[in-house]
Amino acid sequence: MQASPVIDPVDSDLAEVAAPPLLSIAGVKVLAAWLISLALHACALGAMLLIVFPFASHDRSDELPVVHAQVVGDIDARGVNPSETADYSPPSRTTQLGEMGRFTPNPTAAVGPTGAPLGTTDPLAALRGGGTTKTPGMSVIGIGPGGGEGGGDAARYGLTVGGGAGPEFFGLGGSAPGVRSIVYVVDRSGSMIDTFNHVRAELKRSISALRRSQKFHVIFFNSGEPLENPPAKLVNAIEANKEQFFEFLAGVTPMGSTRPERALRRALALEPDLLYLLSDGITFDPDLPRKLDDWNRSRRTKIYTIAYLDEGGRRLLEAIARENGGEFKFVSDDDLP
């Protein structure tokens, strides 16, 4: 039997030290490779986020634009009853933005008492004065032209853009468009007593036809102090003010002589767009045109004159109208109903 070789412990230790650490070097290389790979992937991911994120879409469909509106003009007692309007439904995103070059109507918009959508279905229709559903008692700044009997939506409810036909009094004044304020200066002297009811009826007809966007005032004259319609100033031609004037008119009685100077001076101090002067003109002051020249020096107010059933003051009234940018008319018995 062969004996096993004897190994010297010292030689064994030297052999282990001299052997190269093959497993440790391989592990380090693998770990380094993984670290490098992770670093490269992290850099690539960061680069992608920096490039893509600024262009990512953000869904803000839950946000709606805030619209501010201002209600102006006089609101009649017959204004909108909140119970008469439907509940408001938020418009869709398509309706908010519309299509390029075309307006998309909103089928879910609030509706008026008649069931028609409030407002216009065409963004340019408001500027043309058409295509809108009228909202009783209110108007929005800058929408709708005046014109015609109703004066358009805005004129009907407190605003005008441009002007339609002017007011009429005994058929005079319709050729003066864009009139916003009118003062009637009317003779109530004793010589008018037999026919004053015709004047009363024409005043009522003329003022009834005024638009809500217009203002009016009436001053009666004789030889005494002018008699003014309360509250003695220009007021909006809404139904309440018209009715107040009609009640006042019923109590006006002709008496005294004819002296229009104080009434005319008071009327011109209000600076209306148009002034009607009606009189039989029997005892007019011949110096009246010169006084009117001083009181209406800027010619801001156009004066329309009416010789009522008597041509005695015709020439003077014609001169007043001619010099103050107005027109003259003689009303004869044939013109009365």
C-alpha atoms as a PDB file:
ATOM      1  CA  MET A   1       0.000   0.000   0.000  1.00  0.00           C
ATOM      2  CA  GLN A   2       1.336   3.346  -1.090  1.00  0.00           C
ATOM      3  CA  ALA A   3       1.446   5.976   1.598  1.00  0.00           C
ATOM      4  CA  SER A   4      -0.396   9.340   1.080  1.00  0.00           C
ATOM      5  CA  PRO A   5       1.880  12.270   0.466  1.00  0.00           C
ATOM      6  CA  VAL A   6       2.366  14.543   3.383  1.00  0.00           C
ATOM      7  CA  ILE A   7       1.360  18.154   2.710  1.00  0.00           C
ATOM      8  CA  ASP A   8       3.185  20.852   4.533  1.00  0.00           C
ATOM      9  CA  PRO A   9       0.756  23.427   6.005  1.00  0.00           C
ATOM     10  CA  VAL A  10       3.040  26.273   5.071  1.00  0.00           C
ATOM     11  CA  ASP A  11       3.129  25.237   1.422  1.00  0.00           C
ATOM     12  CA  SER A  12      -0.703  25.044   1.397  1.00  0.00           C
ATOM     13  CA  ASP A  13      -1.118  28.634   2.568  1.00  0.00           C
ATOM     14  CA  LEU A  14       1.327  29.871  -0.022  1.00  0.00           C
ATOM     15  CA  ALA A  15      -0.592  28.104  -2.718  1.00  0.00           C
ATOM     16  CA  GLU A  16      -3.870  29.796  -1.750  1.00  0.00           C
ATOM     17  CA  VAL A  17      -2.254  33.239  -1.751  1.00  0.00           C
ATOM     18  CA  ALA A  18      -0.673  32.711  -5.097  1.00  0.00           C
ATOM     19  CA  ALA A  19      -3.974  31.577  -6.732  1.00  0.00           C
ATOM     20  CA  PRO A  20      -5.826  34.473  -8.567  1.00  0.00           C
ATOM     21  CA  PRO A  21      -9.359  35.460  -7.193  1.00  0.00           C
ATOM     22  CA  LEU A  22     -11.207  34.482 -10.388  1.00  0.00           C
ATOM     23  CA  LEU A  23     -14.760  34.535  -8.898  1.00  0.00           C
ATOM     24  CA  SER A  24     -14.440  37.984  -7.305  1.00  0.00           C
ATOM     25  CA  ILE A  25     -13.291  39.642 -10.517  1.00  0.00           C
ATOM     26  CA  ALA A  26     -16.144  38.093 -12.519  1.00  0.00           C
ATOM     27  CA  GLY A  27     -18.747  39.294  -9.977  1.00  0.00           C
ATOM     28  CA  VAL A  28     -17.432  42.817 -10.075  1.00  0.00           C
ATOM     29  CA  LYS A  29     -17.672  42.876 -13.860  1.00  0.00           C
ATOM     30  CA  VAL A  30     -21.288  41.666 -13.801  1.00  0.00           C
ATOM     31  CA  LEU A  31     -22.267  44.211 -11.161  1.00  0.00           C
ATOM     32  CA  ALA A  32     -20.598  47.016 -13.095  1.00  0.00           C
ATOM     33  CA  ALA A  33     -22.418  45.994 -16.255  1.00  0.00           C
ATOM     34  CA  TRP A  34     -25.783  46.109 -14.467  1.00  0.00           C
ATOM     35  CA  LEU A  35     -25.046  49.497 -12.976  1.00  0.00           C
ATOM     36  CA  ILE A  36     -24.037  50.903 -16.342  1.00  0.00           C
ATOM     37  CA  SER A  37     -27.204  49.486 -17.938  1.00  0.00           C
ATOM     38  CA  LEU A  38     -29.447  50.972 -15.236  1.00  0.00           C
ATOM     39  CA  ALA A  39     -27.759  54.361 -15.622  1.00  0.00           C
ATOM     40  CA  LEU A  40     -28.216  54.324 -19.391  1.00  0.00           C
ATOM     41  CA  HIS A  41     -31.898  53.374 -19.077  1.00  0.00           C
ATOM     42  CA  ALA A  42     -32.491  56.104 -16.492  1.00  0.00           C
ATOM     43  CA  CYS A  43     -30.918  58.714 -18.771  1.00  0.00           C
ATOM     44  CA  ALA A  44     -32.995  57.538 -21.721  1.00  0.00           C
ATOM     45  CA  LEU A  45     -36.218  57.693 -19.653  1.00  0.00           C
ATOM     46  CA  GLY A  46     -35.373  61.164 -18.399  1.00  0.00           C
ATOM     47  CA  ALA A  47     -34.709  62.391 -21.927  1.00  0.00           C
ATOM     48  CA  MET A  48     -38.046  61.009 -23.106  1.00  0.00           C
ATOM     49  CA  LEU A  49     -39.934  62.754 -20.284  1.00  0.00           C
ATOM     50  CA  LEU A  50     -38.231  66.077 -21.044  1.00  0.00           C
ATOM     51  CA  ILE A  51     -39.168  65.832 -24.718  1.00  0.00           C
ATOM     52  CA  VAL A  52     -42.711  64.459 -24.474  1.00  0.00           C
ATOM     53  CA  PHE A  53     -44.178  66.044 -21.297  1.00  0.00           C
ATOM     54  CA  PRO A  54     -44.376  69.709 -22.467  1.00  0.00           C
ATOM     55  CA  PHE A  55     -46.510  68.629 -25.438  1.00  0.00           C
ATOM     56  CA  ALA A  56     -48.800  66.336 -23.535  1.00  0.00           C
ATOM     57  CA  SER A  57     -52.505  67.298 -23.698  1.00  0.00           C
ATOM     58  CA  HIS A  58     -54.252  68.380 -20.524  1.00  0.00           C
ATOM     59  CA  ASP A  59     -57.944  67.666 -20.404  1.00  0.00           C
ATOM     60  CA  ARG A  60     -59.686  70.772 -18.994  1.00  0.00           C
ATOM     61  CA  SER A  61     -63.111  69.936 -20.310  1.00  0.00           C
ATOM     62  CA  ASP A  62     -64.574  70.557 -16.881  1.00  0.00           C
ATOM     63  CA  GLU A  63     -63.708  74.274 -17.052  1.00  0.00           C
ATOM     64  CA  LEU A  64     -66.083  76.736 -18.688  1.00  0.00           C
ATOM     65  CA  PRO A  65     -65.383  80.338 -19.715  1.00  0.00           C
ATOM     66  CA  VAL A  66     -66.746  83.010 -17.404  1.00  0.00           C
ATOM     67  CA  VAL A  67     -69.012  85.473 -19.205  1.00  0.00           C
ATOM     68  CA  HIS A  68     -69.713  88.891 -17.709  1.00  0.00           C
ATOM     69  CA  ALA A  69     -72.815  90.779 -18.827  1.00  0.00           C
ATOM     70  CA  GLN A  70     -74.289  94.107 -17.759  1.00  0.00           C
ATOM     71  CA  VAL A  71     -78.001  94.818 -17.790  1.00  0.00           C
ATOM     72  CA  VAL A  72     -78.805  98.390 -18.585  1.00  0.00           C
ATOM     73  CA  GLY A  73     -81.768 100.601 -19.347  1.00  0.00           C
ATOM     74  CA  ASP A  74     -85.042 100.843 -17.543  1.00  0.00           C
ATOM     75  CA  ILE A  75     -86.648  97.618 -16.471  1.00  0.00           C
ATOM     76  CA  ASP A  76     -90.390  97.740 -16.790  1.00  0.00           C
ATOM     77  CA  ALA A  77     -92.681  96.368 -14.125  1.00  0.00           C
ATOM     78  CA  ARG A  78     -93.438  93.649 -16.656  1.00  0.00           C
ATOM     79  CA  GLY A  79     -89.876  92.347 -16.470  1.00  0.00           C
ATOM     80  CA  VAL A  80     -88.782  88.750 -16.623  1.00  0.00           C
ATOM     81  CA  ASN A  81     -90.336  86.413 -14.088  1.00  0.00           C
ATOM     82  CA  PRO A  82     -87.583  84.005 -12.967  1.00  0.00           C
ATOM     83  CA  SER A  83     -90.113  81.189 -12.889  1.00  0.00           C
ATOM     84  CA  GLU A  84     -90.777  81.642 -16.593  1.00  0.00           C
ATOM     85  CA  THR A  85     -87.227  80.778 -17.724  1.00  0.00           C
ATOM     86  CA  ALA A  86     -85.842  77.262 -17.985  1.00  0.00           C
ATOM     87  CA  ASP A  87     -82.927  76.027 -15.885  1.00  0.00           C
ATOM     88  CA  TYR A  88     -79.549  76.767 -17.414  1.00  0.00           C
ATOM     89  CA  SER A  89     -77.530  73.840 -18.806  1.00  0.00           C
ATOM     90  CA  PRO A  90     -73.756  74.273 -19.311  1.00  0.00           C
ATOM     91  CA  PRO A  91     -72.859  74.361 -23.017  1.00  0.00           C
ATOM     92  CA  SER A  92     -70.732  71.645 -24.564  1.00  0.00           C
ATOM     93  CA  ARG A  93     -67.089  72.170 -25.436  1.00  0.00           C
ATOM     94  CA  THR A  94     -67.994  72.145 -29.143  1.00  0.00           C
ATOM     95  CA  THR A  95     -70.558  74.880 -28.616  1.00  0.00           C
ATOM     96  CA  GLN A  96     -68.102  77.008 -26.617  1.00  0.00           C
ATOM     97  CA  LEU A  97     -65.431  76.982 -29.281  1.00  0.00           C
ATOM     98  CA  GLY A  98     -67.492  76.454 -32.420  1.00  0.00           C
ATOM     99  CA  GLU A  99     -66.000  75.405 -35.722  1.00  0.00           C
ATOM    100  CA  MET A 100     -63.425  77.429 -37.576  1.00  0.00           C
ATOM    101  CA  GLY A 101     -65.221  80.206 -39.456  1.00  0.00           C
ATOM    102  CA  ARG A 102     -68.702  79.119 -38.355  1.00  0.00           C
ATOM    103  CA  PHE A 103     -70.821  79.539 -35.238  1.00  0.00           C
ATOM    104  CA  THR A 104     -72.355  76.389 -33.731  1.00  0.00           C
ATOM    105  CA  PRO A 105     -75.682  77.032 -31.982  1.00  0.00           C
ATOM    106  CA  ASN A 106     -76.116  75.605 -28.511  1.00  0.00           C
ATOM    107  CA  PRO A 107     -79.154  73.335 -28.291  1.00  0.00           C
ATOM    108  CA  THR A 108     -78.970  73.279 -24.475  1.00  0.00           C
ATOM    109  CA  ALA A 109     -78.986  77.047 -23.906  1.00  0.00           C
ATOM    110  CA  ALA A 110     -81.570  78.669 -21.641  1.00  0.00           C
ATOM    111  CA  VAL A 111     -84.915  79.384 -23.237  1.00  0.00           C
ATOM    112  CA  GLY A 112     -87.431  82.152 -22.836  1.00  0.00           C
ATOM    113  CA  PRO A 113     -91.107  82.013 -21.950  1.00  0.00           C
ATOM    114  CA  THR A 114     -92.043  81.051 -25.505  1.00  0.00           C
ATOM    115  CA  GLY A 115     -89.594  78.141 -25.572  1.00  0.00           C
ATOM    116  CA  ALA A 116     -87.240  79.829 -28.052  1.00  0.00           C
ATOM    117  CA  PRO A 117     -83.531  80.047 -27.095  1.00  0.00           C
ATOM    118  CA  LEU A 118     -82.549  83.364 -25.556  1.00  0.00           C
ATOM    119  CA  GLY A 119     -80.060  85.445 -27.541  1.00  0.00           C
ATOM    120  CA  THR A 120     -78.982  85.111 -31.136  1.00  0.00           C
ATOM    121  CA  THR A 121     -78.030  82.052 -33.165  1.00  0.00           C
ATOM    122  CA  ASP A 122     -75.679  84.072 -35.327  1.00  0.00           C
ATOM    123  CA  PRO A 123     -72.837  86.163 -33.792  1.00  0.00           C
ATOM    124  CA  LEU A 124     -73.279  88.796 -36.518  1.00  0.00           C
ATOM    125  CA  ALA A 125     -77.070  88.908 -36.282  1.00  0.00           C
ATOM    126  CA  ALA A 126     -76.937  91.141 -33.236  1.00  0.00           C
ATOM    127  CA  LEU A 127     -74.979  93.732 -35.183  1.00  0.00           C
ATOM    128  CA  ARG A 128     -77.529  93.571 -37.976  1.00  0.00           C
ATOM    129  CA  GLY A 129     -80.409  93.952 -35.530  1.00  0.00           C
ATOM    130  CA  GLY A 130     -82.036  90.610 -36.300  1.00  0.00           C
ATOM    131  CA  GLY A 131     -81.960  86.955 -35.412  1.00  0.00           C
ATOM    132  CA  THR A 132     -82.544  87.420 -31.699  1.00  0.00           C
ATOM    133  CA  THR A 133     -85.126  86.275 -29.243  1.00  0.00           C
ATOM    134  CA  LYS A 134     -86.442  89.232 -27.269  1.00  0.00           C
ATOM    135  CA  THR A 135     -86.041  89.171 -23.523  1.00  0.00           C
ATOM    136  CA  PRO A 136     -88.703  91.361 -21.877  1.00  0.00           C
ATOM    137  CA  GLY A 137     -87.473  94.167 -19.685  1.00  0.00           C
ATOM    138  CA  MET A 138     -83.741  94.122 -20.366  1.00  0.00           C
ATOM    139  CA  SER A 139     -81.060  94.695 -22.969  1.00  0.00           C
ATOM    140  CA  VAL A 140     -77.342  94.053 -23.281  1.00  0.00           C
ATOM    141  CA  ILE A 141     -74.751  96.743 -23.931  1.00  0.00           C
ATOM    142  CA  GLY A 142     -74.146  97.438 -27.622  1.00  0.00           C
ATOM    143  CA  ILE A 143     -76.589  94.984 -29.267  1.00  0.00           C
ATOM    144  CA  GLY A 144     -79.208  95.819 -31.857  1.00  0.00           C
ATOM    145  CA  PRO A 145     -79.966  98.910 -33.889  1.00  0.00           C
ATOM    146  CA  GLY A 146     -82.810 101.299 -33.409  1.00  0.00           C
ATOM    147  CA  GLY A 147     -85.333 101.609 -36.114  1.00  0.00           C
ATOM    148  CA  GLY A 148     -88.902 101.090 -37.035  1.00  0.00           C
ATOM    149  CA  GLU A 149     -91.734 101.293 -34.598  1.00  0.00           C
ATOM    150  CA  GLY A 150     -90.091  99.024 -32.077  1.00  0.00           C
ATOM    151  CA  GLY A 151     -86.569 100.302 -32.664  1.00  0.00           C
ATOM    152  CA  GLY A 152     -84.987  96.833 -32.627  1.00  0.00           C
ATOM    153  CA  ASP A 153     -84.328  94.781 -29.508  1.00  0.00           C
ATOM    154  CA  ALA A 154     -81.856  97.154 -27.908  1.00  0.00           C
ATOM    155  CA  ALA A 155     -83.900 100.252 -28.640  1.00  0.00           C
ATOM    156  CA  ARG A 156     -86.987  98.500 -27.306  1.00  0.00           C
ATOM    157  CA  TYR A 157     -85.284  97.713 -24.029  1.00  0.00           C
ATOM    158  CA  GLY A 158     -83.040 100.660 -23.377  1.00  0.00           C
ATOM    159  CA  LEU A 159     -80.316 100.977 -26.019  1.00  0.00           C
ATOM    160  CA  THR A 160     -79.964 102.125 -29.575  1.00  0.00           C
ATOM    161  CA  VAL A 161     -77.264 101.755 -32.176  1.00  0.00           C
ATOM    162  CA  GLY A 162     -78.119 104.062 -35.032  1.00  0.00           C
ATOM    163  CA  GLY A 163     -81.687 105.280 -35.409  1.00  0.00           C
ATOM    164  CA  GLY A 164     -84.942 104.518 -37.125  1.00  0.00           C
ATOM    165  CA  ALA A 165     -87.782 106.834 -38.056  1.00  0.00           C
ATOM    166  CA  GLY A 166     -88.253 109.830 -35.801  1.00  0.00           C
ATOM    167  CA  PRO A 167     -91.275 110.555 -33.616  1.00  0.00           C
ATOM    168  CA  GLU A 168     -94.398 112.121 -35.107  1.00  0.00           C
ATOM    169  CA  PHE A 169     -96.695 114.858 -33.867  1.00  0.00           C
ATOM    170  CA  PHE A 170     -99.502 115.849 -36.247  1.00  0.00           C
ATOM    171  CA  GLY A 171     -97.505 114.018 -38.957  1.00  0.00           C
ATOM    172  CA  LEU A 172     -94.385 116.129 -38.386  1.00  0.00           C
ATOM    173  CA  GLY A 173     -90.943 114.874 -37.349  1.00  0.00           C
ATOM    174  CA  GLY A 174     -90.844 111.406 -38.914  1.00  0.00           C
ATOM    175  CA  SER A 175     -87.944 112.515 -41.129  1.00  0.00           C
ATOM    176  CA  ALA A 176     -85.688 113.105 -38.084  1.00  0.00           C
ATOM    177  CA  PRO A 177     -84.068 109.698 -37.327  1.00  0.00           C
ATOM    178  CA  GLY A 178     -81.912 108.989 -34.302  1.00  0.00           C
ATOM    179  CA  VAL A 179     -83.964 111.203 -31.964  1.00  0.00           C
ATOM    180  CA  ARG A 180     -83.456 110.196 -28.339  1.00  0.00           C
ATOM    181  CA  SER A 181     -85.175 113.050 -26.484  1.00  0.00           C
ATOM    182  CA  ILE A 182     -88.256 115.124 -27.324  1.00  0.00           C
ATOM    183  CA  VAL A 183     -89.917 118.075 -25.622  1.00  0.00           C
ATOM    184  CA  TYR A 184     -93.432 119.121 -26.613  1.00  0.00           C
ATOM    185  CA  VAL A 185     -94.170 122.842 -26.067  1.00  0.00           C
ATOM    186  CA  VAL A 186     -97.916 123.197 -26.473  1.00  0.00           C
ATOM    187  CA  ASP A 187    -100.241 126.200 -26.430  1.00  0.00           C
ATOM    188  CA  ARG A 188    -102.980 126.066 -23.782  1.00  0.00           C
ATOM    189  CA  SER A 189    -104.212 129.626 -24.140  1.00  0.00           C
ATOM    190  CA  GLY A 190    -107.918 130.461 -24.101  1.00  0.00           C
ATOM    191  CA  SER A 191    -108.102 130.559 -27.912  1.00  0.00           C
ATOM    192  CA  MET A 192    -107.424 126.796 -27.925  1.00  0.00           C
ATOM    193  CA  ILE A 193    -110.376 125.839 -25.752  1.00  0.00           C
ATOM    194  CA  ASP A 194    -112.734 124.644 -28.503  1.00  0.00           C
ATOM    195  CA  THR A 195    -110.232 122.349 -30.194  1.00  0.00           C
ATOM    196  CA  PHE A 196    -107.894 121.396 -27.348  1.00  0.00           C
ATOM    197  CA  ASN A 197    -109.321 117.885 -27.172  1.00  0.00           C
ATOM    198  CA  HIS A 198    -107.786 117.193 -30.594  1.00  0.00           C
ATOM    199  CA  VAL A 199    -104.396 118.339 -29.284  1.00  0.00           C
ATOM    200  CA  ARG A 200    -104.844 116.171 -26.213  1.00  0.00           C
ATOM    201  CA  ALA A 201    -105.627 113.113 -28.339  1.00  0.00           C
ATOM    202  CA  GLU A 202    -102.651 113.696 -30.662  1.00  0.00           C
ATOM    203  CA  LEU A 203    -100.285 114.144 -27.726  1.00  0.00           C
ATOM    204  CA  LYS A 204    -101.456 110.858 -26.303  1.00  0.00           C
ATOM    205  CA  ARG A 205    -101.031 109.089 -29.645  1.00  0.00           C
ATOM    206  CA  SER A 206     -97.567 110.557 -30.262  1.00  0.00           C
ATOM    207  CA  ILE A 207     -96.194 109.734 -26.807  1.00  0.00           C
ATOM    208  CA  SER A 208     -97.737 106.250 -26.854  1.00  0.00           C
ATOM    209  CA  ALA A 209     -95.661 105.512 -29.982  1.00  0.00           C
ATOM    210  CA  LEU A 210     -92.340 106.543 -28.418  1.00  0.00           C
ATOM    211  CA  ARG A 211     -89.793 103.801 -27.827  1.00  0.00           C
ATOM    212  CA  ARG A 212     -88.565 102.880 -24.376  1.00  0.00           C
ATOM    213  CA  SER A 213     -85.092 104.076 -25.344  1.00  0.00           C
ATOM    214  CA  GLN A 214     -86.410 107.610 -25.902  1.00  0.00           C
ATOM    215  CA  LYS A 215     -87.132 110.346 -23.369  1.00  0.00           C
ATOM    216  CA  PHE A 216     -89.901 112.947 -23.398  1.00  0.00           C
ATOM    217  CA  HIS A 217     -91.244 115.955 -21.548  1.00  0.00           C
ATOM    218  CA  VAL A 218     -94.304 118.176 -22.126  1.00  0.00           C
ATOM    219  CA  ILE A 219     -94.609 121.883 -21.282  1.00  0.00           C
ATOM    220  CA  PHE A 220     -97.883 123.795 -21.726  1.00  0.00           C
ATOM    221  CA  PHE A 221     -97.829 127.571 -21.982  1.00  0.00           C
ATOM    222  CA  ASN A 222    -100.115 130.577 -21.775  1.00  0.00           C
ATOM    223  CA  SER A 223     -99.513 134.006 -20.299  1.00  0.00           C
ATOM    224  CA  GLY A 224     -98.735 132.551 -16.873  1.00  0.00           C
ATOM    225  CA  GLU A 225     -96.077 130.170 -15.598  1.00  0.00           C
ATOM    226  CA  PRO A 226     -95.368 127.152 -17.812  1.00  0.00           C
ATOM    227  CA  LEU A 227     -97.244 124.017 -16.796  1.00  0.00           C
ATOM    228  CA  GLU A 228     -94.872 121.030 -16.871  1.00  0.00           C
ATOM    229  CA  ASN A 229     -95.504 117.339 -16.837  1.00  0.00           C
ATOM    230  CA  PRO A 230     -94.293 115.894 -13.487  1.00  0.00           C
ATOM    231  CA  PRO A 231     -91.489 115.343 -12.574  1.00  0.00           C
ATOM    232  CA  ALA A 232     -90.597 118.430 -14.659  1.00  0.00           C
ATOM    233  CA  LYS A 233     -87.740 116.792 -16.564  1.00  0.00           C
ATOM    234  CA  LEU A 234     -87.054 114.388 -19.398  1.00  0.00           C
ATOM    235  CA  VAL A 235     -88.173 110.871 -18.489  1.00  0.00           C
ATOM    236  CA  ASN A 236     -87.833 107.523 -20.235  1.00  0.00           C
ATOM    237  CA  ALA A 237     -90.796 106.609 -22.418  1.00  0.00           C
ATOM    238  CA  ILE A 238     -91.707 103.514 -20.420  1.00  0.00           C
ATOM    239  CA  GLU A 239     -95.329 102.605 -19.755  1.00  0.00           C
ATOM    240  CA  ALA A 240     -95.343 103.878 -16.167  1.00  0.00           C
ATOM    241  CA  ASN A 241     -94.181 107.370 -17.229  1.00  0.00           C
ATOM    242  CA  LYS A 242     -96.580 107.460 -20.155  1.00  0.00           C
ATOM    243  CA  GLU A 243     -99.516 106.591 -17.897  1.00  0.00           C
ATOM    244  CA  GLN A 244     -98.457 109.262 -15.421  1.00  0.00           C
ATOM    245  CA  PHE A 245     -98.459 111.841 -18.199  1.00  0.00           C
ATOM    246  CA  PHE A 246    -101.885 110.761 -19.474  1.00  0.00           C
ATOM    247  CA  GLU A 247    -103.349 111.301 -16.007  1.00  0.00           C
ATOM    248  CA  PHE A 248    -101.744 114.753 -15.870  1.00  0.00           C
ATOM    249  CA  LEU A 249    -102.962 115.596 -19.391  1.00  0.00           C
ATOM    250  CA  ALA A 250    -106.572 114.932 -18.466  1.00  0.00           C
ATOM    251  CA  GLY A 251    -106.487 117.871 -16.043  1.00  0.00           C
ATOM    252  CA  VAL A 252    -104.941 120.477 -18.393  1.00  0.00           C
ATOM    253  CA  THR A 253    -107.408 123.288 -19.226  1.00  0.00           C
ATOM    254  CA  PRO A 254    -106.867 126.105 -21.776  1.00  0.00           C
ATOM    255  CA  MET A 255    -107.011 129.678 -20.449  1.00  0.00           C
ATOM    256  CA  GLY A 256    -105.194 133.040 -20.684  1.00  0.00           C
ATOM    257  CA  SER A 257    -103.281 134.563 -23.590  1.00  0.00           C
ATOM    258  CA  THR A 258    -100.376 133.281 -25.693  1.00  0.00           C
ATOM    259  CA  ARG A 259     -96.820 133.827 -24.366  1.00  0.00           C
ATOM    260  CA  PRO A 260     -94.482 130.914 -25.181  1.00  0.00           C
ATOM    261  CA  GLU A 261     -91.141 132.552 -24.272  1.00  0.00           C
ATOM    262  CA  ARG A 262     -90.683 131.099 -20.775  1.00  0.00           C
ATOM    263  CA  ALA A 263     -91.812 127.657 -21.859  1.00  0.00           C
ATOM    264  CA  LEU A 264     -89.397 127.652 -24.809  1.00  0.00           C
ATOM    265  CA  ARG A 265     -86.468 128.807 -22.700  1.00  0.00           C
ATOM    266  CA  ARG A 266     -87.196 126.109 -20.155  1.00  0.00           C
ATOM    267  CA  ALA A 267     -87.509 123.457 -22.891  1.00  0.00           C
ATOM    268  CA  LEU A 268     -84.195 124.392 -24.532  1.00  0.00           C
ATOM    269  CA  ALA A 269     -82.440 124.283 -21.172  1.00  0.00           C
ATOM    270  CA  LEU A 270     -83.171 120.522 -21.197  1.00  0.00           C
ATOM    271  CA  GLU A 271     -81.188 120.242 -24.472  1.00  0.00           C
ATOM    272  CA  PRO A 272     -83.497 117.794 -26.242  1.00  0.00           C
ATOM    273  CA  ASP A 273     -82.744 116.455 -29.707  1.00  0.00           C
ATOM    274  CA  LEU A 274     -86.119 117.651 -30.981  1.00  0.00           C
ATOM    275  CA  LEU A 275     -88.607 120.287 -29.821  1.00  0.00           C
ATOM    276  CA  TYR A 276     -92.203 120.586 -31.036  1.00  0.00           C
ATOM    277  CA  LEU A 277     -93.808 124.033 -30.783  1.00  0.00           C
ATOM    278  CA  LEU A 278     -97.560 124.046 -31.368  1.00  0.00           C
ATOM    279  CA  SER A 279     -99.635 127.245 -31.204  1.00  0.00           C
ATOM    280  CA  ASP A 280    -102.335 129.234 -32.956  1.00  0.00           C
ATOM    281  CA  GLY A 281     -99.766 132.044 -32.810  1.00  0.00           C
ATOM    282  CA  ILE A 282    -102.239 134.888 -32.571  1.00  0.00           C
ATOM    283  CA  THR A 283    -100.132 137.180 -30.351  1.00  0.00           C
ATOM    284  CA  PHE A 284     -96.561 135.988 -30.852  1.00  0.00           C
ATOM    285  CA  ASP A 285     -93.716 138.319 -29.900  1.00  0.00           C
ATOM    286  CA  PRO A 286     -91.972 139.267 -33.185  1.00  0.00           C
ATOM    287  CA  ASP A 287     -88.643 139.217 -31.328  1.00  0.00           C
ATOM    288  CA  LEU A 288     -89.030 135.499 -30.516  1.00  0.00           C
ATOM    289  CA  PRO A 289     -86.683 134.216 -33.306  1.00  0.00           C
ATOM    290  CA  ARG A 290     -83.814 136.333 -31.953  1.00  0.00           C
ATOM    291  CA  LYS A 291     -84.367 135.009 -28.436  1.00  0.00           C
ATOM    292  CA  LEU A 292     -84.388 131.450 -29.714  1.00  0.00           C
ATOM    293  CA  ASP A 293     -81.107 132.145 -31.494  1.00  0.00           C
ATOM    294  CA  ASP A 294     -79.549 132.922 -28.104  1.00  0.00           C
ATOM    295  CA  TRP A 295     -81.151 129.995 -26.269  1.00  0.00           C
ATOM    296  CA  ASN A 296     -80.303 127.474 -29.013  1.00  0.00           C
ATOM    297  CA  ARG A 297     -77.013 128.964 -30.182  1.00  0.00           C
ATOM    298  CA  SER A 298     -75.349 125.601 -30.756  1.00  0.00           C
ATOM    299  CA  ARG A 299     -78.374 124.453 -32.797  1.00  0.00           C
ATOM    300  CA  ARG A 300     -78.249 121.212 -30.830  1.00  0.00           C
ATOM    301  CA  THR A 301     -82.052 121.127 -30.728  1.00  0.00           C
ATOM    302  CA  LYS A 302     -84.074 120.940 -33.923  1.00  0.00           C
ATOM    303  CA  ILE A 303     -87.307 122.922 -33.597  1.00  0.00           C
ATOM    304  CA  TYR A 304     -90.395 121.732 -35.488  1.00  0.00           C
ATOM    305  CA  THR A 305     -93.272 124.205 -35.516  1.00  0.00           C
ATOM    306  CA  ILE A 306     -97.007 123.707 -36.004  1.00  0.00           C
ATOM    307  CA  ALA A 307     -99.497 126.469 -36.759  1.00  0.00           C
ATOM    308  CA  TYR A 308    -102.700 125.088 -35.333  1.00  0.00           C
ATOM    309  CA  LEU A 309    -105.928 126.006 -37.148  1.00  0.00           C
ATOM    310  CA  ASP A 310    -104.896 129.664 -37.521  1.00  0.00           C
ATOM    311  CA  GLU A 311    -102.333 130.998 -39.997  1.00  0.00           C
ATOM    312  CA  GLY A 312    -101.895 134.286 -38.160  1.00  0.00           C
ATOM    313  CA  GLY A 313     -98.482 133.221 -36.814  1.00  0.00           C
ATOM    314  CA  ARG A 314     -97.474 131.137 -39.810  1.00  0.00           C
ATOM    315  CA  ARG A 315     -94.624 133.297 -41.090  1.00  0.00           C
ATOM    316  CA  LEU A 316     -93.052 133.572 -37.667  1.00  0.00           C
ATOM    317  CA  LEU A 317     -93.324 129.827 -37.038  1.00  0.00           C
ATOM    318  CA  GLU A 318     -91.877 129.046 -40.472  1.00  0.00           C
ATOM    319  CA  ALA A 319     -88.876 131.270 -39.721  1.00  0.00           C
ATOM    320  CA  ILE A 320     -88.296 129.571 -36.353  1.00  0.00           C
ATOM    321  CA  ALA A 321     -88.296 126.110 -37.946  1.00  0.00           C
ATOM    322  CA  ARG A 322     -86.051 127.171 -40.818  1.00  0.00           C
ATOM    323  CA  GLU A 323     -83.446 128.805 -38.554  1.00  0.00           C
ATOM    324  CA  ASN A 324     -83.335 125.899 -36.108  1.00  0.00           C
ATOM    325  CA  GLY A 325     -82.998 122.940 -38.468  1.00  0.00           C
ATOM    326  CA  GLY A 326     -86.637 121.850 -38.256  1.00  0.00           C
ATOM    327  CA  GLU A 327     -89.785 121.799 -40.376  1.00  0.00           C
ATOM    328  CA  PHE A 328     -93.090 123.643 -40.354  1.00  0.00           C
ATOM    329  CA  LYS A 329     -96.643 122.405 -40.798  1.00  0.00           C
ATOM    330  CA  PHE A 330    -100.021 124.081 -40.863  1.00  0.00           C
ATOM    331  CA  VAL A 331    -102.801 121.947 -39.349  1.00  0.00           C
ATOM    332  CA  SER A 332    -106.187 122.884 -40.750  1.00  0.00           C
ATOM    333  CA  ASP A 333    -109.691 121.739 -39.857  1.00  0.00           C
ATOM    334  CA  ASP A 334    -109.423 119.163 -42.634  1.00  0.00           C
ATOM    335  CA  ASP A 335    -106.502 117.487 -40.783  1.00  0.00           C
ATOM    336  CA  LEU A 336    -108.563 116.850 -37.657  1.00  0.00           C
ATOM    337  CA  PRO A 337    -110.525 113.617 -37.252  1.00  0.00           C
END
